Amino acid sequence: SVEEQANALIYAALPIHAYAVDEQTLSTIPLRRPPKVTGTIRIVEIDRYDYSACGGTHVRTTAEIGPLKITKMERRRNQTRVTFLCGMRAYRDYGEKHRLITEAATLFSNEIQQVPTLITRNLALLKEKDRALEEAQRALLTYEAQTLVAEARMLGSVRLVQHTAQGQEVTLLKTLATQLQSYAQVVALLASTEDEKVTLCFSCDPTLTTESKLNMGQLLRTVLQPHGGKGGGKADFAQGGGISPTELPAIFTAAEQSLKELLHN
């Protein structure tokens, strides 16, 4: 590999020379790239291996460069950008990475060579447990939806579900609101509180958006606006927040009153 070749040249301790040449002599030197200036040019040569037009400082032999490690290679158009470390920077980088991999091996109570395999195995187990947890949560939400519908209050011709959960994840609240949409003639006013943050989800049986002209997005915006909250969505599903938990009773009361008026009309 390129990295192995570079390190082989470094450990060969090739001498490095610097000398000046005129333009006529310059044409006989196999430069890596042509110089950007004219006249007398300073050449830095790695013992018949590499020739560069360079005015900067340089080491005396390739051995002074120390170990070289390529850390990244990126394709850019028709070229490759190479990022590398050498010398003490490469040494310190190796030391830090060795410390990290050793700590990982200690956590697994195993050899460092086994760390990648153990990480892969544990990630697979975590994904499997996540899937099992998601299935359990879906089953629990299905049961919760059934319970809420069974306990729903009649509001005119619709069944009103009003529910506040403490610390429930927003994704689970949305899933519950979506599940409640599958029940006929159900309107759901759901909220989740965590510290001072409130998330609201309003949903309804999609047929109510045409039969009774209900619009959850409009309803949510209407009840949140006086309290400085924001929200919106579609006719059968809306989400919002920006209020404090103490304002929830007023929000639910206003939403229920608006629904009564809409259903009466």
C-alpha atoms as a PDB file:
ATOM      1  CA  SER A   1       0.000   0.000   0.000  1.00  0.00           C
ATOM      2  CA  VAL A   2       0.961   3.663  -0.283  1.00  0.00           C
ATOM      3  CA  GLU A   3       1.302   3.850   3.489  1.00  0.00           C
ATOM      4  CA  GLU A   4       3.617   0.834   3.614  1.00  0.00           C
ATOM      5  CA  GLN A   5       5.788   2.245   0.813  1.00  0.00           C
ATOM      6  CA  ALA A   6       6.025   5.604   2.587  1.00  0.00           C
ATOM      7  CA  ASN A   7       7.066   3.985   5.867  1.00  0.00           C
ATOM      8  CA  ALA A   8       9.577   1.755   4.082  1.00  0.00           C
ATOM      9  CA  LEU A   9      11.234   4.860   2.616  1.00  0.00           C
ATOM     10  CA  ILE A  10      11.203   6.544   6.030  1.00  0.00           C
ATOM     11  CA  TYR A  11      12.885   3.595   7.754  1.00  0.00           C
ATOM     12  CA  ALA A  12      15.417   3.348   4.937  1.00  0.00           C
ATOM     13  CA  ALA A  13      16.837   6.619   6.329  1.00  0.00           C
ATOM     14  CA  LEU A  14      17.388   8.077   2.869  1.00  0.00           C
ATOM     15  CA  PRO A  15      19.521  11.242   2.936  1.00  0.00           C
ATOM     16  CA  ILE A  16      17.833  14.498   1.941  1.00  0.00           C
ATOM     17  CA  HIS A  17      19.788  17.193   0.103  1.00  0.00           C
ATOM     18  CA  ALA A  18      18.975  20.771  -0.823  1.00  0.00           C
ATOM     19  CA  TYR A  19      20.724  22.608  -3.655  1.00  0.00           C
ATOM     20  CA  ALA A  20      20.114  25.368  -6.164  1.00  0.00           C
ATOM     21  CA  VAL A  21      19.981  24.914  -9.954  1.00  0.00           C
ATOM     22  CA  ASP A  22      19.564  27.257 -12.892  1.00  0.00           C
ATOM     23  CA  GLU A  23      16.734  26.998 -15.414  1.00  0.00           C
ATOM     24  CA  GLN A  24      18.862  25.005 -17.872  1.00  0.00           C
ATOM     25  CA  THR A  25      19.740  22.337 -15.292  1.00  0.00           C
ATOM     26  CA  LEU A  26      16.160  22.341 -14.002  1.00  0.00           C
ATOM     27  CA  SER A  27      14.915  20.725 -17.219  1.00  0.00           C
ATOM     28  CA  THR A  28      17.012  17.616 -16.473  1.00  0.00           C
ATOM     29  CA  ILE A  29      15.493  17.054 -13.009  1.00  0.00           C
ATOM     30  CA  PRO A  30      12.347  14.862 -12.729  1.00  0.00           C
ATOM     31  CA  LEU A  31      10.371  17.251 -10.538  1.00  0.00           C
ATOM     32  CA  ARG A  32       7.146  16.040  -8.969  1.00  0.00           C
ATOM     33  CA  ARG A  33       5.488  19.262 -10.137  1.00  0.00           C
ATOM     34  CA  PRO A  34       6.832  22.286 -12.039  1.00  0.00           C
ATOM     35  CA  PRO A  35       7.913  25.322  -9.959  1.00  0.00           C
ATOM     36  CA  LYS A  36       5.776  28.471  -9.855  1.00  0.00           C
ATOM     37  CA  VAL A  37       8.801  30.792 -10.046  1.00  0.00           C
ATOM     38  CA  THR A  38      11.629  31.260 -12.537  1.00  0.00           C
ATOM     39  CA  GLY A  39      15.357  31.844 -12.254  1.00  0.00           C
ATOM     40  CA  THR A  40      17.509  29.961  -9.783  1.00  0.00           C
ATOM     41  CA  ILE A  41      15.444  27.241  -8.120  1.00  0.00           C
ATOM     42  CA  ARG A  42      16.096  25.481  -4.815  1.00  0.00           C
ATOM     43  CA  ILE A  43      15.647  21.708  -5.066  1.00  0.00           C
ATOM     44  CA  VAL A  44      15.033  19.352  -2.142  1.00  0.00           C
ATOM     45  CA  GLU A  45      15.978  15.799  -3.144  1.00  0.00           C
ATOM     46  CA  ILE A  46      15.202  12.553  -1.327  1.00  0.00           C
ATOM     47  CA  ASP A  47      18.179  10.520  -2.483  1.00  0.00           C
ATOM     48  CA  ARG A  48      17.264   9.895  -6.162  1.00  0.00           C
ATOM     49  CA  TYR A  49      13.654   9.083  -5.213  1.00  0.00           C
ATOM     50  CA  ASP A  50      11.840  12.413  -5.108  1.00  0.00           C
ATOM     51  CA  TYR A  51      12.656  15.923  -6.319  1.00  0.00           C
ATOM     52  CA  SER A  52      10.714  19.010  -5.259  1.00  0.00           C
ATOM     53  CA  ALA A  53      11.141  22.710  -5.857  1.00  0.00           C
ATOM     54  CA  CYS A  54      10.970  23.960  -2.264  1.00  0.00           C
ATOM     55  CA  GLY A  55      12.207  26.948  -0.301  1.00  0.00           C
ATOM     56  CA  GLY A  56      11.241  25.631   3.126  1.00  0.00           C
ATOM     57  CA  THR A  57      12.987  23.705   5.883  1.00  0.00           C
ATOM     58  CA  HIS A  58      13.456  19.939   5.691  1.00  0.00           C
ATOM     59  CA  VAL A  59      14.752  17.003   7.699  1.00  0.00           C
ATOM     60  CA  ARG A  60      18.228  15.604   7.123  1.00  0.00           C
ATOM     61  CA  THR A  61      17.093  12.034   6.450  1.00  0.00           C
ATOM     62  CA  THR A  62      13.713  10.384   5.946  1.00  0.00           C
ATOM     63  CA  ALA A  63      14.181   8.623   9.305  1.00  0.00           C
ATOM     64  CA  GLU A  64      13.628  11.954  11.089  1.00  0.00           C
ATOM     65  CA  ILE A  65      10.034  11.982   9.799  1.00  0.00           C
ATOM     66  CA  GLY A  66       9.113   9.139  12.135  1.00  0.00           C
ATOM     67  CA  PRO A  67       6.131   6.802  11.719  1.00  0.00           C
ATOM     68  CA  LEU A  68       3.486   7.803   9.179  1.00  0.00           C
ATOM     69  CA  LYS A  69      -0.186   6.853   9.369  1.00  0.00           C
ATOM     70  CA  ILE A  70      -2.879   7.685   6.810  1.00  0.00           C
ATOM     71  CA  THR A  71      -6.050   8.599   8.714  1.00  0.00           C
ATOM     72  CA  LYS A  72      -8.409   9.404   5.846  1.00  0.00           C
ATOM     73  CA  MET A  73      -8.627   9.139   2.055  1.00  0.00           C
ATOM     74  CA  GLU A  74     -11.332  11.064   0.182  1.00  0.00           C
ATOM     75  CA  ARG A  75     -12.175  10.975  -3.508  1.00  0.00           C
ATOM     76  CA  ARG A  76     -12.640  14.469  -4.936  1.00  0.00           C
ATOM     77  CA  ARG A  77     -13.502  14.537  -8.608  1.00  0.00           C
ATOM     78  CA  ASN A  78     -10.554  12.820 -10.296  1.00  0.00           C
ATOM     79  CA  GLN A  79      -8.190  13.194  -7.347  1.00  0.00           C
ATOM     80  CA  THR A  80      -7.700  11.667  -3.908  1.00  0.00           C
ATOM     81  CA  ARG A  81      -7.240  13.810  -0.827  1.00  0.00           C
ATOM     82  CA  VAL A  82      -5.004  12.109   1.753  1.00  0.00           C
ATOM     83  CA  THR A  83      -4.936  13.067   5.440  1.00  0.00           C
ATOM     84  CA  PHE A  84      -2.083  11.660   7.505  1.00  0.00           C
ATOM     85  CA  LEU A  85      -0.163  11.998  10.758  1.00  0.00           C
ATOM     86  CA  CYS A  86       3.558  11.499  11.229  1.00  0.00           C
ATOM     87  CA  GLY A  87       6.248  11.710  13.863  1.00  0.00           C
ATOM     88  CA  MET A  88       5.133  12.535  17.405  1.00  0.00           C
ATOM     89  CA  ARG A  89       1.603  13.355  16.222  1.00  0.00           C
ATOM     90  CA  ALA A  90       1.240   9.819  14.880  1.00  0.00           C
ATOM     91  CA  TYR A  91       2.765   8.446  18.088  1.00  0.00           C
ATOM     92  CA  ARG A  92       0.360  10.409  20.315  1.00  0.00           C
ATOM     93  CA  ASP A  93      -2.591   9.449  18.108  1.00  0.00           C
ATOM     94  CA  TYR A  94      -1.636   5.777  18.400  1.00  0.00           C
ATOM     95  CA  GLY A  95      -1.300   6.130  22.175  1.00  0.00           C
ATOM     96  CA  GLU A  96      -4.761   7.686  22.518  1.00  0.00           C
ATOM     97  CA  LYS A  97      -6.427   5.094  20.294  1.00  0.00           C
ATOM     98  CA  HIS A  98      -4.637   2.274  22.097  1.00  0.00           C
ATOM     99  CA  ARG A  99      -5.929   3.663  25.406  1.00  0.00           C
ATOM    100  CA  LEU A 100      -9.499   3.799  24.069  1.00  0.00           C
ATOM    101  CA  ILE A 101      -9.470   0.294  22.593  1.00  0.00           C
ATOM    102  CA  THR A 102      -7.891  -1.078  25.786  1.00  0.00           C
ATOM    103  CA  GLU A 103     -10.664   0.532  27.864  1.00  0.00           C
ATOM    104  CA  ALA A 104     -13.253  -1.002  25.532  1.00  0.00           C
ATOM    105  CA  ALA A 105     -11.629  -4.427  25.880  1.00  0.00           C
ATOM    106  CA  THR A 106     -11.648  -4.047  29.676  1.00  0.00           C
ATOM    107  CA  LEU A 107     -15.380  -3.256  29.622  1.00  0.00           C
ATOM    108  CA  PHE A 108     -15.961  -6.458  27.661  1.00  0.00           C
ATOM    109  CA  SER A 109     -13.482  -8.407  29.836  1.00  0.00           C
ATOM    110  CA  ASN A 110     -11.796  -9.620  26.678  1.00  0.00           C
ATOM    111  CA  GLU A 111      -8.799  -9.113  24.391  1.00  0.00           C
ATOM    112  CA  ILE A 112      -8.631  -6.006  22.201  1.00  0.00           C
ATOM    113  CA  GLN A 113      -8.725  -8.188  19.065  1.00  0.00           C
ATOM    114  CA  GLN A 114     -12.248  -9.278  20.046  1.00  0.00           C
ATOM    115  CA  VAL A 115     -13.656  -5.751  20.514  1.00  0.00           C
ATOM    116  CA  PRO A 116     -15.080  -5.300  16.965  1.00  0.00           C
ATOM    117  CA  THR A 117     -16.809  -8.704  17.112  1.00  0.00           C
ATOM    118  CA  LEU A 118     -18.186  -8.004  20.578  1.00  0.00           C
ATOM    119  CA  ILE A 119     -19.474  -4.569  19.559  1.00  0.00           C
ATOM    120  CA  THR A 120     -21.189  -6.040  16.489  1.00  0.00           C
ATOM    121  CA  ARG A 121     -22.776  -8.772  18.604  1.00  0.00           C
ATOM    122  CA  ASN A 122     -23.978  -6.330  21.279  1.00  0.00           C
ATOM    123  CA  LEU A 123     -25.400  -3.909  18.697  1.00  0.00           C
ATOM    124  CA  ALA A 124     -27.380  -6.792  17.179  1.00  0.00           C
ATOM    125  CA  LEU A 125     -28.707  -7.695  20.639  1.00  0.00           C
ATOM    126  CA  LEU A 126     -29.672  -4.075  21.317  1.00  0.00           C
ATOM    127  CA  LYS A 127     -31.533  -3.848  18.004  1.00  0.00           C
ATOM    128  CA  GLU A 128     -33.366  -7.075  18.818  1.00  0.00           C
ATOM    129  CA  LYS A 129     -34.336  -5.726  22.247  1.00  0.00           C
ATOM    130  CA  ASP A 130     -35.423  -2.419  20.686  1.00  0.00           C
ATOM    131  CA  ARG A 131     -37.697  -4.302  18.286  1.00  0.00           C
ATOM    132  CA  ALA A 132     -39.158  -6.322  21.165  1.00  0.00           C
ATOM    133  CA  LEU A 133     -39.686  -3.124  23.170  1.00  0.00           C
ATOM    134  CA  GLU A 134     -41.408  -1.433  20.223  1.00  0.00           C
ATOM    135  CA  GLU A 135     -43.731  -4.418  19.813  1.00  0.00           C
ATOM    136  CA  ALA A 136     -44.551  -4.358  23.534  1.00  0.00           C
ATOM    137  CA  GLN A 137     -45.174  -0.610  23.410  1.00  0.00           C
ATOM    138  CA  ARG A 138     -47.475  -0.994  20.401  1.00  0.00           C
ATOM    139  CA  ALA A 139     -49.427  -3.733  22.203  1.00  0.00           C
ATOM    140  CA  LEU A 140     -49.663  -1.575  25.327  1.00  0.00           C
ATOM    141  CA  LEU A 141     -50.841   1.432  23.296  1.00  0.00           C
ATOM    142  CA  THR A 142     -53.471  -0.735  21.596  1.00  0.00           C
ATOM    143  CA  TYR A 143     -54.766  -1.786  25.017  1.00  0.00           C
ATOM    144  CA  GLU A 144     -54.602   1.822  26.257  1.00  0.00           C
ATOM    145  CA  ALA A 145     -56.566   3.020  23.213  1.00  0.00           C
ATOM    146  CA  GLN A 146     -59.252   0.402  23.854  1.00  0.00           C
ATOM    147  CA  THR A 147     -59.483   1.460  27.514  1.00  0.00           C
ATOM    148  CA  LEU A 148     -59.700   5.158  26.661  1.00  0.00           C
ATOM    149  CA  VAL A 149     -62.445   4.553  24.101  1.00  0.00           C
ATOM    150  CA  ALA A 150     -64.378   2.439  26.611  1.00  0.00           C
ATOM    151  CA  GLU A 151     -64.172   5.313  29.110  1.00  0.00           C
ATOM    152  CA  ALA A 152     -64.947   8.031  26.533  1.00  0.00           C
ATOM    153  CA  ARG A 153     -67.679  10.584  27.216  1.00  0.00           C
ATOM    154  CA  MET A 154     -70.411  11.221  24.687  1.00  0.00           C
ATOM    155  CA  LEU A 155     -70.358  14.699  23.228  1.00  0.00           C
ATOM    156  CA  GLY A 156     -73.339  14.925  20.974  1.00  0.00           C
ATOM    157  CA  SER A 157     -72.902  12.169  18.431  1.00  0.00           C
ATOM    158  CA  VAL A 158     -69.157  11.650  19.028  1.00  0.00           C
ATOM    159  CA  ARG A 159     -67.135   9.858  21.695  1.00  0.00           C
ATOM    160  CA  LEU A 160     -64.694  12.254  23.355  1.00  0.00           C
ATOM    161  CA  VAL A 161     -61.385  10.892  24.665  1.00  0.00           C
ATOM    162  CA  GLN A 162     -59.447  13.285  26.889  1.00  0.00           C
ATOM    163  CA  HIS A 163     -56.161  12.033  28.318  1.00  0.00           C
ATOM    164  CA  THR A 164     -52.982  13.477  29.837  1.00  0.00           C
ATOM    165  CA  ALA A 165     -49.861  11.340  30.254  1.00  0.00           C
ATOM    166  CA  GLN A 166     -46.873  12.393  32.325  1.00  0.00           C
ATOM    167  CA  GLY A 167     -43.459  11.884  30.749  1.00  0.00           C
ATOM    168  CA  GLN A 168     -44.734   9.994  27.698  1.00  0.00           C
ATOM    169  CA  GLU A 169     -42.505  10.263  24.625  1.00  0.00           C
ATOM    170  CA  VAL A 170     -43.895  12.396  21.824  1.00  0.00           C
ATOM    171  CA  THR A 171     -43.621   9.513  19.347  1.00  0.00           C
ATOM    172  CA  LEU A 172     -45.741   7.288  21.619  1.00  0.00           C
ATOM    173  CA  LEU A 173     -48.310  10.049  22.124  1.00  0.00           C
ATOM    174  CA  LYS A 174     -48.590  10.469  18.348  1.00  0.00           C
ATOM    175  CA  THR A 175     -48.940   6.702  17.905  1.00  0.00           C
ATOM    176  CA  LEU A 176     -51.736   6.605  20.490  1.00  0.00           C
ATOM    177  CA  ALA A 177     -53.511   9.500  18.777  1.00  0.00           C
ATOM    178  CA  THR A 178     -53.191   7.712  15.440  1.00  0.00           C
ATOM    179  CA  GLN A 179     -54.546   4.446  16.872  1.00  0.00           C
ATOM    180  CA  LEU A 180     -57.592   6.266  18.276  1.00  0.00           C
ATOM    181  CA  GLN A 181     -58.414   7.466  14.755  1.00  0.00           C
ATOM    182  CA  SER A 182     -59.390   3.901  13.861  1.00  0.00           C
ATOM    183  CA  TYR A 183     -62.355   3.982  16.270  1.00  0.00           C
ATOM    184  CA  ALA A 184     -65.639   5.206  14.807  1.00  0.00           C
ATOM    185  CA  GLN A 185     -66.949   8.595  15.935  1.00  0.00           C
ATOM    186  CA  VAL A 186     -63.997   9.196  18.265  1.00  0.00           C
ATOM    187  CA  VAL A 187     -62.361  12.569  18.905  1.00  0.00           C
ATOM    188  CA  ALA A 188     -59.141  12.413  20.961  1.00  0.00           C
ATOM    189  CA  LEU A 189     -57.621  15.311  22.904  1.00  0.00           C
ATOM    190  CA  LEU A 190     -54.271  14.028  24.187  1.00  0.00           C
ATOM    191  CA  ALA A 191     -51.414  15.691  26.059  1.00  0.00           C
ATOM    192  CA  SER A 192     -48.032  14.707  27.433  1.00  0.00           C
ATOM    193  CA  THR A 193     -46.213  16.714  30.114  1.00  0.00           C
ATOM    194  CA  GLU A 194     -42.547  16.585  31.076  1.00  0.00           C
ATOM    195  CA  ASP A 195     -41.284  19.202  33.534  1.00  0.00           C
ATOM    196  CA  GLU A 196     -42.662  22.427  32.035  1.00  0.00           C
ATOM    197  CA  LYS A 197     -42.957  21.115  28.468  1.00  0.00           C
ATOM    198  CA  VAL A 198     -46.348  20.156  27.049  1.00  0.00           C
ATOM    199  CA  THR A 199     -47.093  18.325  23.797  1.00  0.00           C
ATOM    200  CA  LEU A 200     -50.644  18.155  22.488  1.00  0.00           C
ATOM    201  CA  CYS A 201     -52.077  15.769  19.914  1.00  0.00           C
ATOM    202  CA  PHE A 202     -55.649  16.169  18.654  1.00  0.00           C
ATOM    203  CA  SER A 203     -57.048  13.474  16.361  1.00  0.00           C
ATOM    204  CA  CYS A 204     -60.386  12.154  15.161  1.00  0.00           C
ATOM    205  CA  ASP A 205     -62.076   9.490  13.096  1.00  0.00           C
ATOM    206  CA  PRO A 206     -61.329  10.722   9.516  1.00  0.00           C
ATOM    207  CA  THR A 207     -65.013  10.392   8.540  1.00  0.00           C
ATOM    208  CA  LEU A 208     -65.840  13.161  11.032  1.00  0.00           C
ATOM    209  CA  THR A 209     -63.902  15.665   8.928  1.00  0.00           C
ATOM    210  CA  THR A 210     -66.525  15.324   6.195  1.00  0.00           C
ATOM    211  CA  GLU A 211     -69.652  14.275   8.112  1.00  0.00           C
ATOM    212  CA  SER A 212     -69.308  16.810  10.939  1.00  0.00           C
ATOM    213  CA  LYS A 213     -66.831  19.206   9.299  1.00  0.00           C
ATOM    214  CA  LEU A 214     -64.326  18.772  12.143  1.00  0.00           C
ATOM    215  CA  ASN A 215     -60.805  20.139  11.649  1.00  0.00           C
ATOM    216  CA  MET A 216     -58.272  19.180  14.309  1.00  0.00           C
ATOM    217  CA  GLY A 217     -55.563  21.488  12.953  1.00  0.00           C
ATOM    218  CA  GLN A 218     -57.833  24.502  13.099  1.00  0.00           C
ATOM    219  CA  LEU A 219     -59.206  23.489  16.508  1.00  0.00           C
ATOM    220  CA  LEU A 220     -55.733  23.158  18.021  1.00  0.00           C
ATOM    221  CA  ARG A 221     -54.564  26.517  16.652  1.00  0.00           C
ATOM    222  CA  THR A 222     -57.711  28.197  17.968  1.00  0.00           C
ATOM    223  CA  VAL A 223     -57.369  26.945  21.549  1.00  0.00           C
ATOM    224  CA  LEU A 224     -53.589  27.493  21.726  1.00  0.00           C
ATOM    225  CA  GLN A 225     -53.487  31.038  20.369  1.00  0.00           C
ATOM    226  CA  PRO A 226     -54.789  32.812  23.519  1.00  0.00           C
ATOM    227  CA  HIS A 227     -52.095  31.051  25.564  1.00  0.00           C
ATOM    228  CA  GLY A 228     -49.212  31.834  23.198  1.00  0.00           C
ATOM    229  CA  GLY A 229     -48.900  28.237  22.049  1.00  0.00           C
ATOM    230  CA  LYS A 230     -48.400  27.036  18.510  1.00  0.00           C
ATOM    231  CA  GLY A 231     -49.612  24.039  16.587  1.00  0.00           C
ATOM    232  CA  GLY A 232     -51.311  22.767  13.503  1.00  0.00           C
ATOM    233  CA  GLY A 233     -51.774  19.851  11.196  1.00  0.00           C
ATOM    234  CA  LYS A 234     -54.393  18.191   9.048  1.00  0.00           C
ATOM    235  CA  ALA A 235     -58.136  17.980   9.492  1.00  0.00           C
ATOM    236  CA  ASP A 236     -57.908  14.607  11.258  1.00  0.00           C
ATOM    237  CA  PHE A 237     -54.594  15.029  13.119  1.00  0.00           C
ATOM    238  CA  ALA A 238     -52.748  17.961  14.703  1.00  0.00           C
ATOM    239  CA  GLN A 239     -49.821  18.492  17.051  1.00  0.00           C
ATOM    240  CA  GLY A 240     -48.692  21.499  19.074  1.00  0.00           C
ATOM    241  CA  GLY A 241     -47.298  22.878  22.302  1.00  0.00           C
ATOM    242  CA  GLY A 242     -45.668  25.946  23.785  1.00  0.00           C
ATOM    243  CA  ILE A 243     -47.846  26.135  26.903  1.00  0.00           C
ATOM    244  CA  SER A 244     -47.332  25.260  30.567  1.00  0.00           C
ATOM    245  CA  PRO A 245     -48.965  22.249  32.258  1.00  0.00           C
ATOM    246  CA  THR A 246     -51.106  24.603  34.370  1.00  0.00           C
ATOM    247  CA  GLU A 247     -52.817  25.827  31.195  1.00  0.00           C
ATOM    248  CA  LEU A 248     -53.941  22.359  30.099  1.00  0.00           C
ATOM    249  CA  PRO A 249     -57.338  22.392  31.867  1.00  0.00           C
ATOM    250  CA  ALA A 250     -58.247  25.653  30.131  1.00  0.00           C
ATOM    251  CA  ILE A 251     -57.069  24.259  26.786  1.00  0.00           C
ATOM    252  CA  PHE A 252     -59.187  21.115  27.127  1.00  0.00           C
ATOM    253  CA  THR A 253     -62.220  23.117  28.279  1.00  0.00           C
ATOM    254  CA  ALA A 254     -61.924  25.475  25.310  1.00  0.00           C
ATOM    255  CA  ALA A 255     -61.475  22.564  22.895  1.00  0.00           C
ATOM    256  CA  GLU A 256     -64.527  20.750  24.268  1.00  0.00           C
ATOM    257  CA  GLN A 257     -66.624  23.916  24.053  1.00  0.00           C
ATOM    258  CA  SER A 258     -65.544  24.499  20.446  1.00  0.00           C
ATOM    259  CA  LEU A 259     -66.425  20.894  19.582  1.00  0.00           C
ATOM    260  CA  LYS A 260     -69.874  21.293  21.154  1.00  0.00           C
ATOM    261  CA  GLU A 261     -70.553  24.360  19.039  1.00  0.00           C
ATOM    262  CA  LEU A 262     -69.291  22.707  15.852  1.00  0.00           C
ATOM    263  CA  LEU A 263     -71.328  19.553  16.428  1.00  0.00           C
ATOM    264  CA  HIS A 264     -74.432  21.559  17.355  1.00  0.00           C
ATOM    265  CA  ASN A 265     -74.179  23.608  14.170  1.00  0.00           C
END
